[in-house]
Amino acid sequence: MIKGTSRFGAELDSLADFVNFGVAPALFLYFWQLHELKSAGWIAAMVFAICCGLRLRASRHDRRSDRPAFAGNFFTGVPAPAGAIIVLLPIYLFSSACRRRRF
């Protein structure tokens, strides 16, 4: 609204997205169920977080100034929040099923 954007703000936003939609869901899933798989569970959680980081890095390259003018009208990649929703969906479904059984 105040047209106060900066390159630092864009990078900070990408870092916050990585932590909120990459690292946090991966850790939630690991401590909820994947810890039983020991190293394989840890690897699965970290692969998700790393893929989210790589996706955000790719979106950073989409903001380059040497892109064609029409490229700004199109979204490339997978949004990080959608990945987080997919990862956290089993936890939500499991918890809602448990709540229904108690009553």
C-alpha atoms as a PDB file:
ATOM      1  CA  MET A   1       0.000   0.000   0.000  1.00  0.00           C
ATOM      2  CA  ILE A   2       2.816   2.416   0.772  1.00  0.00           C
ATOM      3  CA  LYS A   3       4.976   1.219  -2.153  1.00  0.00           C
ATOM      4  CA  GLY A   4       7.791   0.525   0.300  1.00  0.00           C
ATOM      5  CA  THR A   5       9.163  -2.642  -1.231  1.00  0.00           C
ATOM      6  CA  SER A   6      12.818  -3.592  -1.211  1.00  0.00           C
ATOM      7  CA  ARG A   7      14.984  -6.463  -2.335  1.00  0.00           C
ATOM      8  CA  PHE A   8      15.739  -7.268   1.319  1.00  0.00           C
ATOM      9  CA  GLY A   9      12.014  -7.493   2.069  1.00  0.00           C
ATOM     10  CA  ALA A  10      11.488  -9.903  -0.808  1.00  0.00           C
ATOM     11  CA  GLU A  11      14.326 -12.142   0.425  1.00  0.00           C
ATOM     12  CA  LEU A  12      13.057 -12.001   4.012  1.00  0.00           C
ATOM     13  CA  ASP A  13       9.577 -12.974   2.807  1.00  0.00           C
ATOM     14  CA  SER A  14      11.055 -15.974   0.969  1.00  0.00           C
ATOM     15  CA  LEU A  15      12.943 -17.030   4.098  1.00  0.00           C
ATOM     16  CA  ALA A  16       9.787 -16.735   6.211  1.00  0.00           C
ATOM     17  CA  ASP A  17       7.873 -18.827   3.648  1.00  0.00           C
ATOM     18  CA  PHE A  18      10.598 -21.473   3.762  1.00  0.00           C
ATOM     19  CA  VAL A  19      10.444 -21.719   7.546  1.00  0.00           C
ATOM     20  CA  ASN A  20       6.631 -21.540   7.827  1.00  0.00           C
ATOM     21  CA  PHE A  21       5.671 -23.759   4.908  1.00  0.00           C
ATOM     22  CA  GLY A  22       8.739 -25.990   4.573  1.00  0.00           C
ATOM     23  CA  VAL A  23      10.531 -26.576   7.857  1.00  0.00           C
ATOM     24  CA  ALA A  24       7.593 -26.356  10.289  1.00  0.00           C
ATOM     25  CA  PRO A  25       5.297 -28.867   8.504  1.00  0.00           C
ATOM     26  CA  ALA A  26       8.217 -31.256   8.007  1.00  0.00           C
ATOM     27  CA  LEU A  27       9.044 -31.157  11.725  1.00  0.00           C
ATOM     28  CA  PHE A  28       5.379 -31.538  12.706  1.00  0.00           C
ATOM     29  CA  LEU A  29       5.068 -34.609  10.526  1.00  0.00           C
ATOM     30  CA  TYR A  30       8.347 -36.050  11.782  1.00  0.00           C
ATOM     31  CA  PHE A  31       7.474 -35.692  15.464  1.00  0.00           C
ATOM     32  CA  TRP A  32       3.877 -36.869  14.877  1.00  0.00           C
ATOM     33  CA  GLN A  33       4.554 -40.131  13.013  1.00  0.00           C
ATOM     34  CA  LEU A  34       7.818 -40.285  11.101  1.00  0.00           C
ATOM     35  CA  HIS A  35      10.030 -40.533  14.203  1.00  0.00           C
ATOM     36  CA  GLU A  36       9.045 -44.206  14.376  1.00  0.00           C
ATOM     37  CA  LEU A  37      10.921 -44.786  11.108  1.00  0.00           C
ATOM     38  CA  LYS A  38      14.132 -43.408  12.657  1.00  0.00           C
ATOM     39  CA  SER A  39      16.551 -42.247   9.923  1.00  0.00           C
ATOM     40  CA  ALA A  40      14.139 -42.865   7.051  1.00  0.00           C
ATOM     41  CA  GLY A  41      11.551 -40.609   8.686  1.00  0.00           C
ATOM     42  CA  TRP A  42      14.099 -37.872   9.225  1.00  0.00           C
ATOM     43  CA  ILE A  43      15.205 -38.136   5.600  1.00  0.00           C
ATOM     44  CA  ALA A  44      11.595 -37.924   4.363  1.00  0.00           C
ATOM     45  CA  ALA A  45      10.937 -34.812   6.445  1.00  0.00           C
ATOM     46  CA  MET A  46      14.127 -33.130   5.301  1.00  0.00           C
ATOM     47  CA  VAL A  47      13.490 -33.959   1.632  1.00  0.00           C
ATOM     48  CA  PHE A  48      10.185 -32.093   1.880  1.00  0.00           C
ATOM     49  CA  ALA A  49      11.855 -29.077   3.530  1.00  0.00           C
ATOM     50  CA  ILE A  50      14.692 -29.045   0.995  1.00  0.00           C
ATOM     51  CA  CYS A  51      12.258 -29.269  -1.932  1.00  0.00           C
ATOM     52  CA  CYS A  52      10.326 -26.343  -0.510  1.00  0.00           C
ATOM     53  CA  GLY A  53      13.539 -24.349  -0.234  1.00  0.00           C
ATOM     54  CA  LEU A  54      14.478 -25.174  -3.803  1.00  0.00           C
ATOM     55  CA  ARG A  55      11.033 -24.132  -4.994  1.00  0.00           C
ATOM     56  CA  LEU A  56      11.381 -20.797  -3.247  1.00  0.00           C
ATOM     57  CA  ARG A  57      14.828 -20.342  -4.746  1.00  0.00           C
ATOM     58  CA  ALA A  58      13.339 -20.957  -8.197  1.00  0.00           C
ATOM     59  CA  SER A  59      10.666 -18.348  -7.553  1.00  0.00           C
ATOM     60  CA  ARG A  60      13.433 -15.936  -6.602  1.00  0.00           C
ATOM     61  CA  HIS A  61      14.878 -16.372 -10.084  1.00  0.00           C
ATOM     62  CA  ASP A  62      11.441 -15.627 -11.527  1.00  0.00           C
ATOM     63  CA  ARG A  63      11.751 -12.063 -10.205  1.00  0.00           C
ATOM     64  CA  ARG A  64      14.776 -11.312 -12.383  1.00  0.00           C
ATOM     65  CA  SER A  65      14.645  -8.130 -14.423  1.00  0.00           C
ATOM     66  CA  ASP A  66      15.790  -9.796 -17.678  1.00  0.00           C
ATOM     67  CA  ARG A  67      12.551 -11.783 -18.046  1.00  0.00           C
ATOM     68  CA  PRO A  68      10.157 -10.981 -20.916  1.00  0.00           C
ATOM     69  CA  ALA A  69       7.314  -8.576 -20.116  1.00  0.00           C
ATOM     70  CA  PHE A  70       4.575 -11.220 -20.471  1.00  0.00           C
ATOM     71  CA  ALA A  71       6.260 -13.568 -17.970  1.00  0.00           C
ATOM     72  CA  GLY A  72       5.005 -11.492 -15.027  1.00  0.00           C
ATOM     73  CA  ASN A  73       1.449 -12.577 -15.803  1.00  0.00           C
ATOM     74  CA  PHE A  74       2.126 -16.265 -15.185  1.00  0.00           C
ATOM     75  CA  PHE A  75       2.889 -18.225 -12.033  1.00  0.00           C
ATOM     76  CA  THR A  76       5.612 -20.846 -12.204  1.00  0.00           C
ATOM     77  CA  GLY A  77       6.133 -23.589  -9.673  1.00  0.00           C
ATOM     78  CA  VAL A  78       4.095 -25.015  -6.844  1.00  0.00           C
ATOM     79  CA  PRO A  79       3.012 -22.691  -4.051  1.00  0.00           C
ATOM     80  CA  ALA A  80       4.704 -23.548  -0.753  1.00  0.00           C
ATOM     81  CA  PRO A  81       1.472 -23.273   1.305  1.00  0.00           C
ATOM     82  CA  ALA A  82      -0.143 -25.964  -0.853  1.00  0.00           C
ATOM     83  CA  GLY A  83       2.739 -28.314  -0.084  1.00  0.00           C
ATOM     84  CA  ALA A  84       2.389 -27.589   3.618  1.00  0.00           C
ATOM     85  CA  ILE A  85      -1.341 -28.295   3.478  1.00  0.00           C
ATOM     86  CA  ILE A  86      -0.698 -31.628   1.763  1.00  0.00           C
ATOM     87  CA  VAL A  87       1.882 -32.590   4.399  1.00  0.00           C
ATOM     88  CA  LEU A  88      -0.309 -31.581   7.340  1.00  0.00           C
ATOM     89  CA  LEU A  89      -3.545 -33.053   5.947  1.00  0.00           C
ATOM     90  CA  PRO A  90      -2.983 -36.538   7.480  1.00  0.00           C
ATOM     91  CA  ILE A  91      -2.510 -34.989  10.921  1.00  0.00           C
ATOM     92  CA  TYR A  92      -5.721 -33.006  10.563  1.00  0.00           C
ATOM     93  CA  LEU A  93      -7.732 -35.987   9.342  1.00  0.00           C
ATOM     94  CA  PHE A  94      -6.354 -38.232  12.096  1.00  0.00           C
ATOM     95  CA  SER A  95      -7.108 -35.711  14.840  1.00  0.00           C
ATOM     96  CA  SER A  96     -10.638 -35.013  13.584  1.00  0.00           C
ATOM     97  CA  ALA A  97     -11.346 -38.782  13.388  1.00  0.00           C
ATOM     98  CA  CYS A  98     -10.122 -39.215  16.975  1.00  0.00           C
ATOM     99  CA  ARG A  99     -12.339 -36.384  18.206  1.00  0.00           C
ATOM    100  CA  ARG A 100     -15.393 -37.960  16.596  1.00  0.00           C
ATOM    101  CA  ARG A 101     -14.734 -41.330  18.260  1.00  0.00           C
ATOM    102  CA  ARG A 102     -14.558 -39.831  21.759  1.00  0.00           C
ATOM    103  CA  PHE A 103     -18.081 -38.422  21.697  1.00  0.00           C
END
